[in-house]
Amino acid sequence: MHGLSIDRFITDNHHRFGTAVGPDDTYLSFLPYAHVFEQLNCCSALMAGARIGCYAGEPLKLLDDMQLLKPTVRSLQKSSDDS
């Protein structure tokens, strides 16, 4: 057992980034789902009630996907309007 639970991951991210992910947020999934970090991000987003959008799979069109989905969360770090 590694001692890392999904609840702990969500709590740690909340404290690290100073903001909570919730139902009004959209997460853009772009890592392969076989990647454990992507699995944690997707599970955390689902548990928080956030929407998840998957990119089309073409790296050159990732910006197009971002314009379409308008994600507010990047790897469970909320995007601010100032960036």
C-alpha atoms as a PDB file:
ATOM      1  CA  MET A   1       0.000   0.000   0.000  1.00  0.00           C
ATOM      2  CA  HIS A   2       1.457   3.347  -1.022  1.00  0.00           C
ATOM      3  CA  GLY A   3      -0.606   5.338   1.432  1.00  0.00           C
ATOM      4  CA  LEU A   4      -2.097   7.545  -1.317  1.00  0.00           C
ATOM      5  CA  SER A   5      -5.857   7.505  -1.525  1.00  0.00           C
ATOM      6  CA  ILE A   6      -8.007   9.467  -3.937  1.00  0.00           C
ATOM      7  CA  ASP A   7      -9.496  11.411  -1.012  1.00  0.00           C
ATOM      8  CA  ARG A   8      -5.994  12.359   0.138  1.00  0.00           C
ATOM      9  CA  PHE A   9      -5.040  13.339  -3.423  1.00  0.00           C
ATOM     10  CA  ILE A  10      -8.058  15.658  -3.700  1.00  0.00           C
ATOM     11  CA  THR A  11      -7.421  17.182  -0.262  1.00  0.00           C
ATOM     12  CA  ASP A  12      -3.729  17.717  -1.011  1.00  0.00           C
ATOM     13  CA  ASN A  13      -4.545  19.407  -4.319  1.00  0.00           C
ATOM     14  CA  HIS A  14      -7.113  21.640  -2.639  1.00  0.00           C
ATOM     15  CA  HIS A  15      -4.511  22.816  -0.120  1.00  0.00           C
ATOM     16  CA  ARG A  16      -1.715  23.059  -2.689  1.00  0.00           C
ATOM     17  CA  PHE A  17      -3.649  25.175  -5.173  1.00  0.00           C
ATOM     18  CA  GLY A  18      -5.860  26.996  -2.672  1.00  0.00           C
ATOM     19  CA  THR A  19      -9.025  26.302  -4.604  1.00  0.00           C
ATOM     20  CA  ALA A  20     -11.559  23.537  -4.874  1.00  0.00           C
ATOM     21  CA  VAL A  21     -12.695  21.890  -8.082  1.00  0.00           C
ATOM     22  CA  GLY A  22     -16.475  21.679  -8.330  1.00  0.00           C
ATOM     23  CA  PRO A  23     -19.500  21.196 -10.583  1.00  0.00           C
ATOM     24  CA  ASP A  24     -18.899  24.461 -12.448  1.00  0.00           C
ATOM     25  CA  ASP A  25     -15.454  23.319 -13.624  1.00  0.00           C
ATOM     26  CA  THR A  26     -14.336  21.525 -16.775  1.00  0.00           C
ATOM     27  CA  TYR A  27     -11.246  19.314 -16.883  1.00  0.00           C
ATOM     28  CA  LEU A  28      -9.498  18.670 -20.202  1.00  0.00           C
ATOM     29  CA  SER A  29      -8.203  15.106 -20.258  1.00  0.00           C
ATOM     30  CA  PHE A  30      -5.232  14.875 -22.601  1.00  0.00           C
ATOM     31  CA  LEU A  31      -2.878  12.272 -21.101  1.00  0.00           C
ATOM     32  CA  PRO A  32      -3.402   8.618 -22.044  1.00  0.00           C
ATOM     33  CA  TYR A  33      -5.860   7.082 -19.581  1.00  0.00           C
ATOM     34  CA  ALA A  34      -3.334   4.311 -18.869  1.00  0.00           C
ATOM     35  CA  HIS A  35      -1.240   7.004 -17.137  1.00  0.00           C
ATOM     36  CA  VAL A  36      -1.926   6.780 -13.382  1.00  0.00           C
ATOM     37  CA  PHE A  37      -1.815  10.576 -13.004  1.00  0.00           C
ATOM     38  CA  GLU A  38      -4.609  10.902 -15.590  1.00  0.00           C
ATOM     39  CA  GLN A  39      -6.653   8.270 -13.793  1.00  0.00           C
ATOM     40  CA  LEU A  40      -6.311  10.193 -10.523  1.00  0.00           C
ATOM     41  CA  ASN A  41      -7.210  13.469 -12.238  1.00  0.00           C
ATOM     42  CA  CYS A  42     -10.309  11.983 -13.879  1.00  0.00           C
ATOM     43  CA  CYS A  43     -11.455  10.239 -10.695  1.00  0.00           C
ATOM     44  CA  SER A  44     -10.906  13.409  -8.686  1.00  0.00           C
ATOM     45  CA  ALA A  45     -12.814  15.511 -11.227  1.00  0.00           C
ATOM     46  CA  LEU A  46     -15.698  13.023 -11.254  1.00  0.00           C
ATOM     47  CA  MET A  47     -15.833  12.921  -7.459  1.00  0.00           C
ATOM     48  CA  ALA A  48     -15.955  16.730  -7.414  1.00  0.00           C
ATOM     49  CA  GLY A  49     -18.794  16.747  -9.949  1.00  0.00           C
ATOM     50  CA  ALA A  50     -16.722  18.518 -12.634  1.00  0.00           C
ATOM     51  CA  ARG A  51     -17.178  17.947 -16.350  1.00  0.00           C
ATOM     52  CA  ILE A  52     -14.465  16.047 -18.239  1.00  0.00           C
ATOM     53  CA  GLY A  53     -13.684  16.641 -21.887  1.00  0.00           C
ATOM     54  CA  CYS A  54     -11.267  14.457 -23.816  1.00  0.00           C
ATOM     55  CA  TYR A  55      -9.060  15.943 -26.484  1.00  0.00           C
ATOM     56  CA  ALA A  56      -9.433  14.586 -30.008  1.00  0.00           C
ATOM     57  CA  GLY A  57      -6.063  12.827 -29.958  1.00  0.00           C
ATOM     58  CA  GLU A  58      -4.251  15.098 -32.405  1.00  0.00           C
ATOM     59  CA  PRO A  59      -1.513  17.065 -30.570  1.00  0.00           C
ATOM     60  CA  LEU A  60      -1.503  19.778 -33.229  1.00  0.00           C
ATOM     61  CA  LYS A  61      -5.208  20.394 -32.588  1.00  0.00           C
ATOM     62  CA  LEU A  62      -4.982  20.567 -28.799  1.00  0.00           C
ATOM     63  CA  LEU A  63      -5.513  24.332 -28.850  1.00  0.00           C
ATOM     64  CA  ASP A  64      -8.675  23.841 -30.925  1.00  0.00           C
ATOM     65  CA  ASP A  65      -9.939  21.370 -28.317  1.00  0.00           C
ATOM     66  CA  MET A  66      -9.161  23.863 -25.563  1.00  0.00           C
ATOM     67  CA  GLN A  67     -11.110  26.594 -27.351  1.00  0.00           C
ATOM     68  CA  LEU A  68     -14.068  24.251 -27.754  1.00  0.00           C
ATOM     69  CA  LEU A  69     -14.087  22.852 -24.204  1.00  0.00           C
ATOM     70  CA  LYS A  70     -12.920  25.987 -22.348  1.00  0.00           C
ATOM     71  CA  PRO A  71     -11.352  24.021 -19.472  1.00  0.00           C
ATOM     72  CA  THR A  72     -11.136  25.678 -16.072  1.00  0.00           C
ATOM     73  CA  VAL A  73      -8.912  22.955 -14.606  1.00  0.00           C
ATOM     74  CA  ARG A  74      -5.424  21.861 -15.671  1.00  0.00           C
ATOM     75  CA  SER A  75      -4.207  18.722 -13.872  1.00  0.00           C
ATOM     76  CA  LEU A  76      -6.511  19.665 -11.019  1.00  0.00           C
ATOM     77  CA  GLN A  77      -5.139  23.168 -10.796  1.00  0.00           C
ATOM     78  CA  LYS A  78      -7.886  25.696 -11.444  1.00  0.00           C
ATOM     79  CA  SER A  79      -7.156  28.171 -14.200  1.00  0.00           C
ATOM     80  CA  SER A  80      -7.525  31.813 -13.295  1.00  0.00           C
ATOM     81  CA  ASP A  81      -8.890  34.526 -15.534  1.00  0.00           C
ATOM     82  CA  ASP A  82      -5.626  36.412 -15.049  1.00  0.00           C
ATOM     83  CA  SER A  83      -3.468  33.864 -16.897  1.00  0.00           C
END
